């Protein structure tokens, strides 16, 4: 009784405030009480479970604005797999980032949520929701008898059916994945952009890196050479990259190769005797984000590098071999080029066709996309490293030779 009197009559900190953690002084105010100017009591506790792939996790950051519209003032916890968590940790719209590591899942088990969004169609993601206290789940869940993934609500049925039918996925559906997921979670679709944020040190490093690559008046074109090993056909051959770079150099731009640690040897082969720069590839995801931010234009296959460029609002020239161009929204800030292979899209993880779909990507269309990006940069007099502001422009879609506008 004495302890209760102390708690209720003498002093009680705002334990429900989003800034209060209970084990160290608050970073916002030395005194935690109801008079604090930074006091923020969440109106809803939201759990997002999206484990992978990394590029898809980046794309799903477009959901954050829609979530905040439906649940204003909410507290958002996001569970993902390593290393995707690195790209989420600087995001001011996310209050807590957890992984599937044991300690993080133990932390999650202590928490309760009003709403859960399960974006992955996987037993692991469904299991995380199943073992967490969540009042209402949107997206996907697991059938407890068979383990089959099923819609959590009727709103997720269209996205679920697309995954079960190649005809619907490859040909019938015309919506970008961002729209499909937003609607599946019963959120308002307003074509919200991705949300990735750099800290001050990373922005300064981008400036430093860009200064090392080009003079202030030169345009830097980043060429992302890699992709996930899951579908290895989302990258051009070494020879095709070299031909493309030689064509791009004739435009008077500076070329920088982008990629991951697995691309280091391949990038060395591509750069040989071409007198171009290669960004660091073995310093982690956030350093890769720094390099993308140091570019004005990014050329990439359907990969994490493409999603980073879209998130940082770079003019993006994205080419597609085995995957679906219509699923990617580049937000009127780039062009999409799709292979002329008659078997595309297919999403195959192994293929022995000759020529391969990536061999039938028209390099001249990629170069045309870069030219359009140069014109866009010049017409708006956009300052370099304009990762914060977003300026819309007409887009050129060269999928299958089409001149349609991006979705």
Protein backbone atom coordinates (compact mmCIF):
# COMPACT_ATOMS: atom_id res chain seq x y z
CA UNK A 1 0.00 0.00 0.00
CA UNK A 2 2.85 2.32 0.80
CA UNK A 3 4.40 1.72 -2.64
CA UNK A 4 1.06 2.38 -4.32
CA UNK A 5 0.70 5.67 -2.43
CA UNK A 6 4.15 6.67 -3.61
CA UNK A 7 3.34 5.78 -7.21
CA UNK A 8 0.01 7.54 -7.42
CA UNK A 9 0.35 10.47 -5.03
CA UNK A 10 3.98 11.50 -5.09
CA UNK A 11 5.39 10.98 -8.57
CA UNK A 12 4.52 8.80 -11.52
CA UNK A 13 6.38 9.17 -14.83
CA UNK A 14 4.50 8.94 -18.12
CA UNK A 15 5.14 5.24 -18.63
CA UNK A 16 2.92 5.10 -21.74
CA UNK A 17 4.84 7.87 -23.51
CA UNK A 18 6.67 6.65 -26.62
CA UNK A 19 9.94 8.15 -25.30
CA UNK A 20 9.84 6.44 -21.88
CA UNK A 21 11.79 3.20 -21.45
CA UNK A 22 12.05 2.83 -17.67
CA UNK A 23 15.76 2.04 -17.39
CA UNK A 24 17.59 5.25 -18.26
CA UNK A 25 16.87 8.99 -18.36
CA UNK A 26 14.63 10.15 -21.15
CA UNK A 27 16.49 11.60 -24.13
CA UNK A 28 13.83 14.31 -24.56
CA UNK A 29 13.45 15.70 -21.05
CA UNK A 30 15.13 15.14 -17.69
CA UNK A 31 11.76 15.27 -15.93
CA UNK A 32 9.12 12.87 -17.17
CA UNK A 33 5.61 14.01 -16.30
CA UNK A 34 2.35 15.11 -17.90
CA UNK A 35 3.67 18.65 -18.38
CA UNK A 36 6.52 17.56 -20.67
CA UNK A 37 6.43 19.30 -24.03
CA UNK A 38 7.61 16.07 -25.72
CA UNK A 39 4.91 13.92 -24.11
CA UNK A 40 3.49 11.58 -26.75
CA UNK A 41 0.97 8.90 -25.83
CA UNK A 42 0.38 6.59 -28.81
CA UNK A 43 -3.26 6.13 -29.78
CA UNK A 44 -2.55 2.66 -31.20
CA UNK A 45 0.21 0.09 -31.03
CA UNK A 46 1.05 -1.26 -34.48
CA UNK A 47 3.11 -4.33 -35.39
CA UNK A 48 4.49 -4.79 -38.93
CA UNK A 49 5.96 -8.18 -39.80
CA UNK A 50 7.87 -8.13 -43.06
CA UNK A 51 10.94 -10.33 -43.03
CA UNK A 52 12.29 -10.23 -46.60
CA UNK A 53 13.53 -9.93 -49.28
CA UNK A 54 15.52 -6.79 -48.51
CA UNK A 55 14.29 -4.87 -51.54
CA UNK A 56 10.70 -5.79 -50.74
CA UNK A 57 11.19 -4.54 -47.18
CA UNK A 58 12.43 -1.21 -48.54
CA UNK A 59 9.38 -1.06 -50.82
CA UNK A 60 7.06 -1.69 -47.89
CA UNK A 61 8.24 1.48 -46.17
CA UNK A 62 5.71 3.16 -48.47
CA UNK A 63 3.07 1.75 -46.10
CA UNK A 64 4.16 3.94 -43.20
CA UNK A 65 2.33 7.07 -44.38
CA UNK A 66 -0.86 5.09 -44.99
CA UNK A 67 -0.63 3.53 -41.52
CA UNK A 68 -0.19 6.94 -39.92
CA UNK A 69 -3.21 8.26 -41.80
CA UNK A 70 -5.45 5.47 -40.54
CA UNK A 71 -3.90 5.31 -37.08
CA UNK A 72 -2.60 8.83 -36.33
CA UNK A 73 -0.18 9.08 -33.45
CA UNK A 74 0.46 5.33 -33.47
CA UNK A 75 3.53 3.55 -32.12
CA UNK A 76 5.05 1.31 -34.81
CA UNK A 77 7.16 -1.79 -34.21
CA UNK A 78 8.64 -3.51 -37.28
CA UNK A 79 9.95 -7.09 -37.20
CA UNK A 80 12.27 -8.13 -40.01
CA UNK A 81 15.24 -10.36 -40.69
CA UNK A 82 18.86 -9.32 -40.64
CA UNK A 83 20.32 -7.42 -42.42
CA UNK A 84 17.12 -5.60 -43.49
CA UNK A 85 16.92 -4.05 -40.03
CA UNK A 86 19.92 -1.85 -40.89
CA UNK A 87 17.86 0.05 -43.46
CA UNK A 88 14.95 0.63 -41.07
CA UNK A 89 16.77 1.83 -37.97
CA UNK A 90 17.17 5.49 -38.99
CA UNK A 91 13.51 5.82 -39.98
CA UNK A 92 11.72 8.43 -37.85
CA UNK A 93 8.34 6.84 -38.66
CA UNK A 94 9.32 3.58 -36.94
CA UNK A 95 9.55 3.52 -33.15
CA UNK A 96 11.08 0.08 -32.67
CA UNK A 97 12.90 -2.32 -35.03
CA UNK A 98 13.25 -5.96 -34.03
CA UNK A 99 14.70 -8.96 -35.85
CA UNK A 100 14.00 -12.68 -35.78
CA UNK A 101 16.96 -13.21 -33.46
CA UNK A 102 16.11 -14.98 -30.21
CA UNK A 103 16.56 -11.99 -27.90
CA UNK A 104 14.42 -9.75 -30.09
CA UNK A 105 11.62 -12.31 -30.23
CA UNK A 106 11.76 -12.55 -26.43
CA UNK A 107 11.40 -8.77 -26.30
CA UNK A 108 8.45 -9.01 -28.69
CA UNK A 109 6.74 -11.56 -26.45
CA UNK A 110 6.50 -8.92 -23.70
CA UNK A 111 4.48 -6.57 -25.87
CA UNK A 112 0.84 -6.20 -26.88
CA UNK A 113 -0.50 -4.63 -30.05
CA UNK A 114 -3.79 -3.27 -31.30
CA UNK A 115 -3.10 -4.05 -34.96
CA UNK A 116 -0.74 -6.39 -36.75
CA UNK A 117 0.19 -6.29 -40.44
CA UNK A 118 1.62 -9.54 -41.81
CA UNK A 119 3.03 -8.74 -45.27
CA UNK A 120 5.00 -11.94 -45.88
CA UNK A 121 3.30 -15.07 -47.15
CA UNK A 122 5.39 -17.31 -44.91
CA UNK A 123 4.99 -19.61 -41.93
CA UNK A 124 7.73 -17.80 -40.04
CA UNK A 125 5.95 -14.44 -40.34
CA UNK A 126 2.60 -16.01 -39.52
CA UNK A 127 4.19 -17.75 -36.54
CA UNK A 128 5.51 -14.47 -35.18
CA UNK A 129 1.99 -13.03 -35.30
CA UNK A 130 0.53 -16.22 -33.81
CA UNK A 131 2.82 -16.07 -30.78
CA UNK A 132 2.35 -12.33 -30.24
CA UNK A 133 -0.58 -10.64 -28.53
CA UNK A 134 -2.33 -8.81 -31.38
CA UNK A 135 -6.00 -7.83 -31.33
CA UNK A 136 -6.54 -7.56 -35.09
CA UNK A 137 -4.43 -8.97 -37.95
CA UNK A 138 -4.41 -7.78 -41.56
CA UNK A 139 -2.58 -9.31 -44.49
CA UNK A 140 -1.83 -13.00 -44.21
CA UNK A 141 -1.97 -15.81 -41.69
CA UNK A 142 -1.39 -19.56 -41.64
CA UNK A 143 -4.06 -22.23 -41.71
CA UNK A 144 -3.37 -24.02 -38.44
CA UNK A 145 -4.13 -27.54 -39.73
CA UNK A 146 -2.19 -27.53 -43.00
CA UNK A 147 0.20 -24.62 -42.63
CA UNK A 148 -1.08 -23.10 -45.86
CA UNK A 149 -0.90 -19.31 -46.13
CA UNK A 150 -4.34 -17.71 -46.42
CA UNK A 151 -5.70 -14.15 -46.32
CA UNK A 152 -6.25 -12.74 -42.83
CA UNK A 153 -9.18 -10.66 -44.16
CA UNK A 154 -11.09 -10.53 -47.46
CA UNK A 155 -9.11 -7.43 -48.49
CA UNK A 156 -5.98 -9.59 -48.97
CA UNK A 157 -7.79 -12.02 -51.28
CA UNK A 158 -6.80 -10.30 -54.59
CA UNK A 159 -3.09 -10.24 -53.69
CA UNK A 160 -3.30 -13.83 -52.48
CA UNK A 161 -4.93 -14.98 -55.73
CA UNK A 162 -2.29 -13.20 -57.84
CA UNK A 163 0.35 -15.30 -56.11
CA UNK A 164 -1.51 -18.48 -57.06
CA UNK A 165 -1.89 -17.71 -60.76
CA UNK A 166 0.83 -16.91 -63.30
CA UNK A 167 -1.85 -15.59 -65.64
CA UNK A 168 -3.03 -13.06 -63.07
CA UNK A 169 0.47 -12.13 -61.91
CA UNK A 170 2.13 -11.79 -65.31
CA UNK A 171 -0.68 -10.54 -67.51
CA UNK A 172 -3.98 -9.65 -65.85
CA UNK A 173 -2.73 -7.54 -62.95
CA UNK A 174 -1.79 -3.95 -63.82
CA UNK A 175 -1.34 -2.60 -60.30
CA UNK A 176 2.09 -1.97 -58.74
CA UNK A 177 2.98 -4.09 -55.74
CA UNK A 178 2.81 -1.05 -53.46
CA UNK A 179 -0.87 -0.62 -54.31
CA UNK A 180 -1.68 -4.32 -53.99
CA UNK A 181 -0.12 -4.55 -50.53
CA UNK A 182 -1.64 -1.29 -49.29
CA UNK A 183 -5.12 -2.42 -50.30
CA UNK A 184 -4.56 -5.91 -48.90
CA UNK A 185 -3.89 -4.35 -45.49
CA UNK A 186 -7.11 -2.26 -45.68
CA UNK A 187 -5.18 0.99 -45.87
CA UNK A 188 -5.86 3.99 -48.09
CA UNK A 189 -3.72 3.90 -51.23
CA UNK A 190 -2.40 7.38 -52.11
CA UNK A 191 0.70 6.31 -54.04
CA UNK A 192 2.90 7.11 -51.05
CA UNK A 193 6.66 7.02 -51.78
CA UNK A 194 9.18 4.78 -50.07
CA UNK A 195 10.65 6.03 -46.80
CA UNK A 196 14.40 5.60 -46.24
CA UNK A 197 16.37 8.15 -44.27
CA UNK A 198 20.06 8.94 -43.94
CA UNK A 199 21.59 10.44 -40.82
CA UNK A 200 23.78 13.57 -40.90
CA UNK A 201 27.04 11.62 -41.01
CA UNK A 202 25.80 9.53 -43.92
CA UNK A 203 24.71 12.61 -45.86
CA UNK A 204 28.15 14.15 -45.33
CA UNK A 205 29.82 10.95 -46.48
CA UNK A 206 27.65 11.04 -49.61
CA UNK A 207 28.91 14.55 -50.29
CA UNK A 208 32.50 13.46 -49.74
CA UNK A 209 32.11 10.44 -51.97
CA UNK A 210 30.51 12.45 -54.75
CA UNK A 211 33.30 15.02 -54.63
CA UNK A 212 35.80 12.21 -55.11
CA UNK A 213 33.91 10.87 -58.12
CA UNK A 214 33.03 14.05 -60.03
CA UNK A 215 33.24 17.81 -60.17
CA UNK A 216 30.22 19.82 -58.93
CA UNK A 217 28.86 20.38 -62.45
CA UNK A 218 29.19 16.78 -63.63
CA UNK A 219 26.39 14.21 -63.49
CA UNK A 220 27.10 10.94 -61.71
CA UNK A 221 25.45 7.81 -63.07
CA UNK A 222 25.52 4.83 -60.73
CA UNK A 223 25.35 1.42 -62.39
CA UNK A 224 24.16 -1.28 -60.02
CA UNK A 225 25.61 -4.54 -61.29
CA UNK A 226 24.30 -7.09 -58.81
CA UNK A 227 21.17 -8.80 -57.58
CA UNK A 228 20.06 -11.44 -55.12
CA UNK A 229 21.27 -15.00 -55.71
CA UNK A 230 17.66 -16.20 -55.52
CA UNK A 231 16.98 -15.08 -59.12
CA UNK A 232 20.45 -14.59 -60.64
CA UNK A 233 19.10 -13.48 -64.01
CA UNK A 234 18.30 -9.98 -62.82
CA UNK A 235 21.78 -8.77 -63.77
CA UNK A 236 23.40 -8.16 -67.12
CA UNK A 237 26.47 -10.04 -68.26
CA UNK A 238 29.92 -8.53 -67.77
CA UNK A 239 30.15 -7.91 -71.51
CA UNK A 240 26.74 -6.18 -71.65
CA UNK A 241 27.68 -3.95 -68.72
CA UNK A 242 30.89 -2.92 -70.48
CA UNK A 243 29.03 -2.10 -73.71
CA UNK A 244 26.47 -0.07 -71.80
CA UNK A 245 29.13 1.84 -69.86
CA UNK A 246 31.01 2.69 -73.06
CA UNK A 247 27.79 4.13 -74.50
CA UNK A 248 27.05 6.07 -71.31
CA UNK A 249 30.54 7.58 -71.23
CA UNK A 250 29.82 9.21 -74.59
CA UNK A 251 27.16 11.30 -72.80
CA UNK A 252 29.85 13.10 -70.79
CA UNK A 253 28.75 11.67 -67.43
CA UNK A 254 30.81 10.10 -64.66
CA UNK A 255 30.17 6.39 -64.13
CA UNK A 256 30.30 4.66 -60.74
CA UNK A 257 29.71 0.94 -60.24
CA UNK A 258 27.43 -0.02 -57.35
CA UNK A 259 26.86 -3.44 -55.81
CA UNK A 260 27.27 -5.73 -52.85
CA UNK A 261 30.16 -7.73 -51.46
CA UNK A 262 29.33 -10.61 -53.80
CA UNK A 263 29.88 -8.28 -56.79
CA UNK A 264 33.45 -7.23 -55.97
CA UNK A 265 35.29 -9.54 -58.38
CA UNK A 266 32.67 -9.06 -61.09
CA UNK A 267 32.91 -5.28 -60.79
CA UNK A 268 36.68 -5.49 -61.18
CA UNK A 269 36.15 -7.31 -64.48
CA UNK A 270 33.62 -4.71 -65.61
CA UNK A 271 35.81 -1.71 -64.75
CA UNK A 272 39.00 -3.05 -66.38
CA UNK A 273 40.52 -0.37 -68.65
CA UNK A 274 37.29 1.69 -68.65
CA UNK A 275 38.56 4.48 -66.36
CA UNK A 276 35.45 4.55 -64.18
CA UNK A 277 34.89 4.53 -60.42
CA UNK A 278 33.76 1.62 -58.26
CA UNK A 279 32.01 2.27 -54.97
CA UNK A 280 32.89 0.30 -51.82
CA UNK A 281 30.90 -2.94 -51.85
CA UNK A 282 31.88 -4.62 -48.59
CA UNK A 283 30.93 -2.02 -45.95
CA UNK A 284 27.31 -3.01 -45.39
CA UNK A 285 23.85 -1.98 -46.54
CA UNK A 286 23.87 1.51 -45.12
CA UNK A 287 27.15 2.31 -46.82
CA UNK A 288 25.57 1.09 -50.05
CA UNK A 289 22.76 3.56 -49.40
CA UNK A 290 25.39 6.30 -49.03
CA UNK A 291 26.84 5.44 -52.43
CA UNK A 292 23.43 5.45 -54.12
CA UNK A 293 22.71 8.83 -52.55
CA UNK A 294 25.94 10.19 -54.05
CA UNK A 295 24.59 9.50 -57.55
CA UNK A 296 22.22 11.60 -59.67
CA UNK A 297 20.98 8.78 -61.88
CA UNK A 298 20.95 5.04 -61.14
CA UNK A 299 20.78 2.18 -63.67
CA UNK A 300 19.77 -1.13 -62.12
CA UNK A 301 18.04 -4.41 -62.64
CA UNK A 302 15.06 -5.32 -60.46
CA UNK A 303 17.07 -5.51 -57.24
CA UNK A 304 17.80 -3.86 -53.91
CA UNK A 305 19.87 -1.18 -55.65
CA UNK A 306 16.81 -0.21 -57.70
CA UNK A 307 14.64 0.07 -54.58
CA UNK A 308 17.31 2.17 -52.83
CA UNK A 309 17.40 4.54 -55.80
CA UNK A 310 13.60 4.84 -55.84
CA UNK A 311 13.57 5.48 -52.09
CA UNK A 312 16.18 8.23 -52.42
CA UNK A 313 14.23 9.76 -55.34
CA UNK A 314 17.02 9.32 -57.86
CA UNK A 315 16.22 9.21 -61.54
CA UNK A 316 16.05 5.42 -61.93
CA UNK A 317 16.51 3.47 -65.15
CA UNK A 318 15.27 0.02 -64.18
CA UNK A 319 15.51 -2.93 -66.56
CA UNK A 320 13.56 -6.16 -66.21
CA UNK A 321 14.35 -9.67 -67.43
CA UNK A 322 12.48 -12.46 -65.63
CA UNK A 323 10.38 -10.18 -63.39
CA UNK A 324 7.36 -7.93 -63.86
CA UNK A 325 7.97 -4.29 -64.75
CA UNK A 326 4.37 -3.33 -63.97
CA UNK A 327 4.83 -4.33 -60.33
CA UNK A 328 7.38 -1.56 -59.75
CA UNK A 329 6.26 2.05 -59.33
CA UNK A 330 9.11 4.46 -60.05
CA UNK A 331 6.91 7.43 -59.08
CA UNK A 332 7.36 9.38 -62.33
CA UNK A 333 11.09 9.62 -61.65
CA UNK A 334 12.67 7.30 -64.19
CA UNK A 335 12.04 4.75 -66.91
CA UNK A 336 11.45 1.03 -67.08
CA UNK A 337 12.99 -1.16 -69.77
CA UNK A 338 11.86 -4.75 -70.22
CA UNK A 339 13.51 -7.53 -72.16
CA UNK A 340 12.12 -8.48 -75.54
CA UNK A 341 12.26 -12.17 -74.60
CA UNK A 342 8.90 -13.75 -75.40
CA UNK A 343 9.04 -15.93 -72.27
CA UNK A 344 9.29 -12.93 -69.91
CA UNK A 345 8.16 -12.50 -67.21
CA UNK A 346 8.58 -15.91 -65.63
CA UNK A 347 10.20 -15.55 -62.16
CA UNK A 348 12.20 -18.73 -62.83
CA UNK A 349 15.09 -19.41 -60.48
CA UNK A 350 16.88 -21.59 -63.00
CA UNK A 351 16.87 -21.39 -66.78
CA UNK A 352 18.89 -22.75 -69.71
CA UNK A 353 17.33 -20.71 -72.50
CA UNK A 354 19.60 -19.22 -75.13
CA UNK A 355 19.73 -16.33 -75.50
CA UNK A 356 18.84 -15.47 -71.92
CA UNK A 357 16.28 -12.78 -71.14
CA UNK A 358 18.95 -10.40 -69.86
CA UNK A 359 20.76 -10.75 -73.19
CA UNK A 360 17.64 -9.38 -74.91
CA UNK A 361 17.51 -6.15 -72.92
CA UNK A 362 18.07 -3.32 -75.40
CA UNK A 363 21.10 -1.35 -74.16
CA UNK A 364 20.12 1.58 -76.36
CA UNK A 365 16.84 1.91 -74.45
CA UNK A 366 18.78 2.08 -71.18
CA UNK A 367 20.99 4.81 -72.64
CA UNK A 368 17.87 6.67 -73.83
CA UNK A 369 16.52 6.45 -70.27
CA UNK A 370 19.72 7.99 -68.91
CA UNK A 371 19.51 10.77 -71.50
CA UNK A 372 16.00 11.53 -70.33
CA UNK A 373 17.28 11.64 -66.75
CA UNK A 374 19.94 14.16 -67.74
CA UNK A 375 17.28 16.32 -69.38
CA UNK A 376 15.12 16.05 -66.25
CA UNK A 377 17.99 17.10 -63.99
CA UNK A 378 18.88 20.01 -66.22
CA UNK A 379 15.30 21.24 -66.68
CA UNK A 380 14.67 21.41 -62.95
CA UNK A 381 18.18 22.62 -62.08
CA UNK A 382 18.12 20.00 -59.36
CA UNK A 383 20.98 20.32 -56.87
CA UNK A 384 23.07 17.22 -56.44
CA UNK A 385 22.15 14.90 -53.58
CA UNK A 386 18.55 16.09 -53.58
CA UNK A 387 17.45 13.06 -51.61
CA UNK A 388 15.00 14.96 -49.43
CA UNK A 389 12.94 16.89 -51.96
CA UNK A 390 10.90 15.16 -54.61
CA UNK A 391 10.15 16.69 -57.99
CA UNK A 392 7.72 14.86 -60.29
CA UNK A 393 8.40 14.59 -63.99
CA UNK A 394 7.01 12.80 -67.01
CA UNK A 395 8.28 9.25 -67.24
CA UNK A 396 9.16 7.17 -70.25
CA UNK A 397 8.19 3.50 -70.03
CA UNK A 398 9.95 1.35 -72.57
CA UNK A 399 8.56 -1.98 -71.38
CA UNK A 400 8.12 -4.17 -74.48
CA UNK A 401 8.64 -1.05 -76.59
CA UNK A 402 5.65 0.68 -75.02
CA UNK A 403 5.43 4.42 -74.39
CA UNK A 404 2.91 4.10 -71.59
CA UNK A 405 3.26 6.16 -68.42
CA UNK A 406 4.34 4.37 -65.25
CA UNK A 407 1.50 3.31 -62.93
